[in-house]
Structures are given as structure tokens and as C-alpha cells.
Amino acid sequence: MSDPADKVTAAFDTAKAKINELAESGKVQEALGTARDKIDELVESKQVQDALGTAKDKLSELAENEKVHEVVTTAKDKITEVAQKFSSR
């Protein structure tokens, strides 16, 4: 009877071989190529570029917003307060 560790090793080796076969498959390579092309098309899309520009603008607005700064400052203060309570124990 085989050692359980040998059985596990054999199972991993078989799985690794199957994964390598799949990765080298022409159909898989073709699908990956198609996916890359579609991603490139998406990235180059005017709508996507516009959406990214809008998101960037909104993030900039948030970063400049005084209320956001107040919330961040309050959060920092609370974290410092909690950290000090733990370190004084």
C-alpha cells in the first residue's frame, strides 16, 4: 500500500500536468488572445475614457472637499485616541 504522502504528491503532479496541458492548448491561447483584444478595445473606448475622466474629476472634488477633510481628521484623532488607550494598559 502506498504512503498517503505519495498519493498526495501523485495527485498534485497529475493536476499540474493537466493545468500545463490546458494552458498550452491552442483553444485556450486563442481565447486569451481574444480576451486581450476585447480588453484593449474596452480601454480605448471613448465611453470608458469619459467615465474614467468623470471618476477622476469626482475623486478630485472629494479630495478637495472641506467636509471630507474634517471627517478624515476626526477619524485620525479617534484612531490616535484608541491607540493611546491601548498603549497605556
Protein backbone atom coordinates (compact mmCIF):
# COMPACT_ATOMS: atom_id res chain seq x y z
CA MET A 1 0.00 0.00 0.00
CA SER A 2 1.32 3.48 -0.93
CA ASP A 3 2.19 6.09 1.62
CA PRO A 4 -0.56 8.80 1.81
CA ALA A 5 2.04 11.49 1.12
CA ASP A 6 2.98 9.69 -2.12
CA LYS A 7 -0.68 9.65 -3.15
CA VAL A 8 -1.00 13.37 -2.49
CA THR A 9 2.20 14.09 -4.41
CA ALA A 10 0.97 11.98 -7.34
CA ALA A 11 -2.37 13.81 -7.34
CA PHE A 12 -0.61 17.20 -7.38
CA ASP A 13 1.70 16.09 -10.16
CA THR A 14 -1.26 14.91 -12.24
CA ALA A 15 -3.13 18.17 -11.62
CA LYS A 16 -0.05 20.19 -12.54
CA ALA A 17 0.36 18.24 -15.79
CA LYS A 18 -3.31 18.77 -16.70
CA ILE A 19 -3.09 22.50 -15.96
CA ASN A 20 0.02 22.78 -18.14
CA GLU A 21 -1.74 20.91 -20.97
CA LEU A 22 -4.71 23.25 -20.67
CA ALA A 23 -2.51 26.37 -20.60
CA GLU A 24 -0.70 25.24 -23.74
CA SER A 25 -3.93 24.38 -25.56
CA GLY A 26 -4.47 26.25 -28.81
CA LYS A 27 -8.09 26.99 -27.87
CA VAL A 28 -7.04 28.47 -24.53
CA GLN A 29 -4.35 30.59 -26.19
CA GLU A 30 -6.89 31.78 -28.78
CA ALA A 31 -9.40 32.63 -26.04
CA LEU A 32 -6.73 34.58 -24.14
CA GLY A 33 -5.83 36.48 -27.29
CA THR A 34 -9.48 37.33 -27.89
CA ALA A 35 -9.88 38.45 -24.28
CA ARG A 36 -6.79 40.69 -24.58
CA ASP A 37 -8.17 42.23 -27.78
CA LYS A 38 -11.55 42.90 -26.15
CA ILE A 39 -9.89 44.46 -23.09
CA ASP A 40 -7.80 46.68 -25.38
CA GLU A 41 -10.96 47.74 -27.25
CA LEU A 42 -12.68 48.50 -23.96
CA VAL A 43 -9.77 50.55 -22.64
CA GLU A 44 -9.63 52.54 -25.87
CA SER A 45 -13.40 53.16 -25.91
CA LYS A 46 -14.40 56.82 -25.72
CA GLN A 47 -17.17 55.99 -23.26
CA VAL A 48 -14.71 54.26 -20.94
CA GLN A 49 -12.26 57.15 -21.23
CA ASP A 50 -15.06 59.62 -20.49
CA ALA A 51 -16.17 57.57 -17.47
CA LEU A 52 -12.60 57.42 -16.18
CA GLY A 53 -12.26 61.17 -16.63
CA THR A 54 -15.51 61.78 -14.74
CA ALA A 55 -14.43 59.44 -11.94
CA LYS A 56 -11.09 61.24 -11.71
CA ASP A 57 -12.85 64.60 -11.51
CA LYS A 58 -15.22 63.37 -8.79
CA LEU A 59 -12.32 61.96 -6.77
CA SER A 60 -10.53 65.29 -7.08
CA GLU A 61 -13.65 67.08 -5.86
CA LEU A 62 -13.86 64.74 -2.89
CA ALA A 63 -10.19 65.22 -2.09
CA GLU A 64 -10.70 69.00 -2.06
CA ASN A 65 -13.95 68.90 -0.06
CA GLU A 66 -13.65 70.51 3.38
CA LYS A 67 -16.16 68.11 4.96
CA VAL A 68 -14.13 65.14 3.74
CA HIS A 69 -11.01 66.65 5.32
CA GLU A 70 -12.91 67.13 8.60
CA VAL A 71 -14.07 63.51 8.58
CA VAL A 72 -10.57 62.24 7.86
CA THR A 73 -9.12 64.42 10.62
CA THR A 74 -11.76 63.20 13.09
CA ALA A 75 -11.05 59.59 12.13
CA LYS A 76 -7.31 60.11 12.63
CA ASP A 77 -7.96 61.68 16.04
CA LYS A 78 -10.19 58.78 17.11
CA ILE A 79 -7.62 56.22 15.96
CA THR A 80 -4.91 58.06 17.90
CA GLU A 81 -7.17 58.18 20.97
CA VAL A 82 -7.88 54.43 20.81
CA ALA A 83 -4.20 53.63 20.20
CA GLN A 84 -3.22 55.68 23.24
CA LYS A 85 -5.78 53.86 25.42
CA PHE A 86 -4.34 50.50 24.35
CA SER A 87 -0.73 51.57 24.86
CA SER A 88 -1.45 52.88 28.37
CA ARG A 89 -2.65 49.45 29.52
